[in-house]
Amino acid sequence: MNIDYSNIKPYGDTLNDGAVQLSFTLPVEYSDEAREASRQLAIKMGLDDPQTVYMKDLGVGYTFFVVYGKCSHTVDFTSISVPKVDCKEMDFYEINDFIKKEIGRKITVIAACTGTDAHTVGIDAIMNMKGYAGEYGLERYPQINAYNLGSQVLNEELLARAIELKADAILVSQVVTQKNVHIQNLTRLVELVEAEGIRDRVLLIAGGPRISHELAIELGYDAGFGPGTLPPHVASYIVRELAGRLKKGTE
């Protein structure tokens, strides 16, 4: 199949048919008028031949919709460049050997879900000894002193513990994103670390479903990891970056 990657569009039943599905909620009562409102909104979004295939009364004047339609727009995939964490991944054993040979001591990593965020699934997958998807968490690594502070940790508390433990890296997980609270919280931590004068001595890493490497860099972090990240991804980056900084410091 020959595909022109400079001019691609959504695919449903046949290539380039533009078929898409979207869902949304409107603050209106469940009714025929509500169905028509969802269709008209889809037209204004640029969809051709929109059809509301499902709607559900959510109660108290709200209705949920699922709409099918055809997108006429295309995108040049060949022109897209996304900033990524540039790091050769290693496995559990390679990472521990790397720490011994290239750093020469155990490293310390501290992690938490900060602010009001109580979702620990992501940070637990990276930190907990049992790990995730067949990969050990950082607590299992003999060459890493890993501390998982859990959820709803104040930025000030996380920083205080990082200073106390002389942490090499601070991992922050953010899941709650309503009204960009994750942006505010992540920015606040950077400000605190800089105010303490230790920004150049610690790696700051952000993670979560709405976190990208590009966003993390913009906020002042060293790296960002999004959905699908596994413990070796994070550990490989940390140890390679620390070793690189150590090498620069001795030159």
Protein backbone atom coordinates (compact mmCIF):
# COMPACT_ATOMS: atom_id res chain seq x y z
CA MET A 1 0.00 0.00 0.00
CA ASN A 2 1.47 3.33 -1.11
CA ILE A 3 0.78 6.11 1.36
CA ASP A 4 1.61 9.74 0.81
CA TYR A 5 2.84 10.68 4.29
CA SER A 6 2.96 14.34 3.36
CA ASN A 7 -0.82 14.38 2.97
CA ILE A 8 -2.54 12.03 5.43
CA LYS A 9 -6.01 12.11 6.95
CA PRO A 10 -8.08 9.89 9.27
CA TYR A 11 -8.90 6.35 8.18
CA GLY A 12 -12.08 4.41 8.90
CA ASP A 13 -13.31 1.80 6.41
CA THR A 14 -11.12 2.83 3.48
CA LEU A 15 -7.85 4.73 3.23
CA ASN A 16 -8.24 8.52 3.39
CA ASP A 17 -12.01 8.41 3.91
CA GLY A 18 -11.53 10.89 6.76
CA ALA A 19 -13.81 8.99 9.14
CA VAL A 20 -13.57 10.14 12.77
CA GLN A 21 -15.45 9.61 16.01
CA LEU A 22 -15.72 12.20 18.75
CA SER A 23 -17.57 12.46 22.02
CA PHE A 24 -18.59 15.42 24.13
CA THR A 25 -21.16 16.68 26.62
CA LEU A 26 -23.47 19.66 26.18
CA PRO A 27 -25.28 21.46 29.03
CA VAL A 28 -28.74 20.78 27.55
CA GLU A 29 -31.63 18.45 28.32
CA TYR A 30 -31.85 15.16 26.44
CA SER A 31 -34.07 15.91 23.41
CA ASP A 32 -34.30 15.98 19.62
CA GLU A 33 -33.09 19.57 19.81
CA ALA A 34 -30.05 18.38 21.75
CA ARG A 35 -29.27 15.84 19.01
CA GLU A 36 -29.48 18.58 16.38
CA ALA A 37 -27.27 20.84 18.49
CA SER A 38 -24.58 18.15 18.56
CA ARG A 39 -24.81 17.76 14.78
CA GLN A 40 -24.52 21.48 14.14
CA LEU A 41 -21.56 21.73 16.49
CA ALA A 42 -19.80 18.93 14.58
CA ILE A 43 -20.36 20.84 11.32
CA LYS A 44 -18.76 23.93 12.86
CA MET A 45 -15.81 21.74 13.86
CA GLY A 46 -15.29 21.08 10.16
CA LEU A 47 -16.77 17.59 9.89
CA ASP A 48 -18.69 16.59 6.78
CA ASP A 49 -21.87 14.52 7.01
CA PRO A 50 -21.89 14.30 10.85
CA GLN A 51 -24.19 11.76 12.48
CA THR A 52 -25.00 11.55 16.18
CA VAL A 53 -24.97 7.80 16.71
CA TYR A 54 -25.36 7.78 20.48
CA MET A 55 -26.65 10.14 23.13
CA LYS A 56 -27.26 9.64 26.84
CA ASP A 57 -29.12 11.69 29.40
CA LEU A 58 -26.66 12.54 32.18
CA GLY A 59 -29.34 14.20 34.28
CA VAL A 60 -29.74 17.73 35.59
CA GLY A 61 -29.63 19.32 32.14
CA TYR A 62 -26.63 17.54 30.57
CA THR A 63 -26.45 15.18 27.60
CA PHE A 64 -23.54 13.09 26.34
CA PHE A 65 -23.03 12.49 22.59
CA VAL A 66 -21.01 10.28 20.28
CA VAL A 67 -20.76 11.67 16.77
CA TYR A 68 -19.37 10.18 13.55
CA GLY A 69 -18.24 12.38 10.68
CA LYS A 70 -15.67 12.87 7.95
CA CYS A 71 -12.68 15.14 8.28
CA SER A 72 -11.61 16.95 5.12
CA HIS A 73 -8.33 18.24 6.54
CA THR A 74 -4.94 16.58 6.09
CA VAL A 75 -1.58 16.83 7.83
CA ASP A 76 1.99 16.61 6.55
CA PHE A 77 3.40 13.81 8.68
CA THR A 78 6.89 14.23 7.21
CA SER A 79 7.19 17.73 8.67
CA ILE A 80 6.42 16.72 12.27
CA SER A 81 9.20 16.72 14.85
CA VAL A 82 8.46 15.94 18.51
CA PRO A 83 11.08 16.47 21.26
CA LYS A 84 11.81 13.16 23.01
CA VAL A 85 14.01 11.90 25.79
CA ASP A 86 17.16 10.97 23.89
CA CYS A 87 18.48 8.00 25.79
CA LYS A 88 19.53 4.47 24.91
CA GLU A 89 17.46 2.17 27.09
CA MET A 90 19.06 -0.51 29.23
CA ASP A 91 17.53 -3.42 31.13
CA PHE A 92 17.52 -4.04 34.89
CA TYR A 93 20.92 -5.74 34.97
CA GLU A 94 22.60 -3.32 32.58
CA ILE A 95 21.40 -0.34 34.61
CA ASN A 96 22.83 -1.70 37.86
CA ASP A 97 26.14 -2.55 36.19
CA PHE A 98 26.23 0.90 34.61
CA ILE A 99 25.78 2.58 38.01
CA LYS A 100 28.66 0.55 39.48
CA LYS A 101 31.04 1.25 36.62
CA GLU A 102 30.15 4.78 35.55
CA ILE A 103 28.94 6.43 38.77
CA GLY A 104 30.72 4.37 41.41
CA ARG A 105 28.10 4.66 44.13
CA LYS A 106 24.43 4.04 44.73
CA ILE A 107 22.15 6.78 43.51
CA THR A 108 19.14 8.18 45.35
CA VAL A 109 15.77 8.77 43.69
CA ILE A 110 12.77 10.27 45.47
CA ALA A 111 9.26 10.37 44.01
CA ALA A 112 5.77 11.58 44.87
CA CYS A 113 2.40 12.68 43.58
CA THR A 114 2.36 16.27 44.73
CA GLY A 115 -0.30 18.81 45.65
CA THR A 116 -3.83 17.47 45.94
CA ASP A 117 -3.17 14.66 43.46
CA ALA A 118 -4.07 11.31 45.01
CA HIS A 119 -3.44 9.09 41.97
CA THR A 120 -0.43 6.87 42.62
CA VAL A 121 -0.83 4.25 39.89
CA GLY A 122 1.74 5.87 37.61
CA ILE A 123 4.40 6.62 40.20
CA ASP A 124 3.88 3.21 41.82
CA ALA A 125 4.45 1.52 38.46
CA ILE A 126 7.84 3.21 38.23
CA MET A 127 8.90 2.98 41.87
CA ASN A 128 7.33 -0.06 43.57
CA MET A 129 9.44 -3.17 43.89
CA LYS A 130 6.92 -5.34 42.02
CA GLY A 131 7.07 -2.94 39.10
CA TYR A 132 4.78 -2.99 36.10
CA ALA A 133 4.36 -5.00 32.87
CA GLY A 134 7.09 -7.44 33.87
CA GLU A 135 9.64 -4.73 34.67
CA TYR A 136 10.96 -4.24 38.20
CA GLY A 137 10.34 -0.87 39.86
CA LEU A 138 13.25 1.27 41.05
CA GLU A 139 12.86 -0.02 44.63
CA ARG A 140 14.07 -3.40 43.33
CA TYR A 141 17.32 -2.04 41.89
CA PRO A 142 20.19 -2.83 44.30
CA GLN A 143 22.16 0.20 43.10
CA ILE A 144 19.28 2.65 43.62
CA ASN A 145 18.01 4.00 46.93
CA ALA A 146 14.39 4.63 45.96
CA TYR A 147 11.90 6.52 48.12
CA ASN A 148 8.24 6.72 47.16
CA LEU A 149 6.50 9.32 49.32
CA GLY A 150 3.06 8.49 47.95
CA SER A 151 0.27 10.94 47.13
CA GLN A 152 -0.87 14.43 48.15
CA VAL A 153 2.64 15.44 49.11
CA LEU A 154 3.34 19.16 49.40
CA ASN A 155 6.08 20.46 47.12
CA GLU A 156 7.82 21.85 50.18
CA GLU A 157 7.75 18.45 51.88
CA LEU A 158 9.09 16.68 48.80
CA LEU A 159 11.93 19.18 48.48
CA ALA A 160 12.80 18.95 52.18
CA ARG A 161 13.06 15.16 51.94
CA ALA A 162 15.11 15.41 48.75
CA ILE A 163 17.60 17.70 50.50
CA GLU A 164 17.68 15.46 53.58
CA LEU A 165 18.35 12.35 51.48
CA LYS A 166 20.73 14.15 49.09
CA ALA A 167 18.63 12.94 46.21
CA ASP A 168 20.15 12.69 42.75
CA ALA A 169 16.74 12.80 41.08
CA ILE A 170 13.23 13.94 41.97
CA LEU A 171 10.28 12.30 40.19
CA VAL A 172 6.93 14.07 40.22
CA SER A 173 3.72 12.44 39.00
CA GLN A 174 0.72 14.55 38.02
CA VAL A 175 -2.60 13.04 36.94
CA VAL A 176 -5.20 15.65 37.88
CA THR A 177 -5.18 18.34 35.17
CA GLN A 178 -8.42 20.29 35.69
CA LYS A 179 -7.84 24.02 35.18
CA ASN A 180 -4.16 23.25 34.53
CA VAL A 181 -3.49 22.58 38.21
CA HIS A 182 -0.66 20.24 37.15
CA ILE A 183 1.11 23.11 35.37
CA GLN A 184 0.90 25.31 38.43
CA ASN A 185 2.09 22.55 40.73
CA LEU A 186 5.02 21.51 38.54
CA THR A 187 6.10 25.13 38.08
CA ARG A 188 5.99 25.75 41.82
CA LEU A 189 8.37 22.86 42.51
CA VAL A 190 10.91 24.20 40.03
CA GLU A 191 10.74 27.59 41.70
CA LEU A 192 11.34 26.05 45.12
CA VAL A 193 14.29 23.97 43.92
CA GLU A 194 15.86 27.02 42.29
CA ALA A 195 15.29 29.09 45.44
CA GLU A 196 17.19 26.47 47.46
CA GLY A 197 20.11 26.77 45.04
CA ILE A 198 20.25 23.06 44.21
CA ARG A 199 18.79 23.05 40.71
CA ASP A 200 22.13 22.16 39.13
CA ARG A 201 22.64 19.26 41.53
CA VAL A 202 19.38 17.36 41.07
CA LEU A 203 17.53 15.90 38.11
CA LEU A 204 13.90 16.99 37.92
CA ILE A 205 11.62 14.57 36.09
CA ALA A 206 7.88 14.92 35.51
CA GLY A 207 5.45 12.20 34.54
CA GLY A 208 1.76 11.65 33.91
CA PRO A 209 -0.89 11.08 31.22
CA ARG A 210 -0.76 14.73 30.08
CA ILE A 211 3.00 15.10 30.41
CA SER A 212 5.31 15.20 27.40
CA HIS A 213 9.05 15.75 27.24
CA GLU A 214 8.44 19.05 25.45
CA LEU A 215 6.10 20.32 28.18
CA ALA A 216 8.49 19.23 30.93
CA ILE A 217 11.37 21.11 29.32
CA GLU A 218 9.22 24.24 28.97
CA LEU A 219 8.41 24.10 32.69
CA GLY A 220 12.07 23.82 33.68
CA TYR A 221 12.41 20.05 34.13
CA ASP A 222 15.17 17.88 32.72
CA ALA A 223 12.82 15.31 31.23
CA GLY A 224 9.19 14.32 30.92
CA PHE A 225 7.64 10.87 30.55
CA GLY A 226 4.09 10.22 29.43
CA PRO A 227 1.78 7.20 29.07
CA GLY A 228 3.43 3.83 28.44
CA THR A 229 6.60 4.66 30.36
CA LEU A 230 8.23 1.72 32.13
CA PRO A 231 10.79 1.72 34.98
CA PRO A 232 13.83 1.01 32.74
CA HIS A 233 12.94 4.03 30.59
CA VAL A 234 13.21 6.35 33.57
CA ALA A 235 16.14 4.58 35.21
CA SER A 236 18.17 4.52 31.99
CA TYR A 237 17.72 8.25 31.54
CA ILE A 238 18.61 9.04 35.15
CA VAL A 239 21.82 7.02 35.28
CA ARG A 240 23.06 8.10 31.85
CA GLU A 241 22.39 11.75 32.62
CA LEU A 242 24.08 11.53 36.02
CA ALA A 243 27.09 9.78 34.52
CA GLY A 244 27.31 12.43 31.82
CA ARG A 245 27.26 15.24 34.35
CA LEU A 246 29.85 13.44 36.49
CA LYS A 247 32.13 13.09 33.47
CA LYS A 248 31.79 16.79 32.61
CA GLY A 249 32.60 17.71 36.20
CA THR A 250 35.90 15.82 36.07
CA GLU A 251 37.05 17.19 32.72
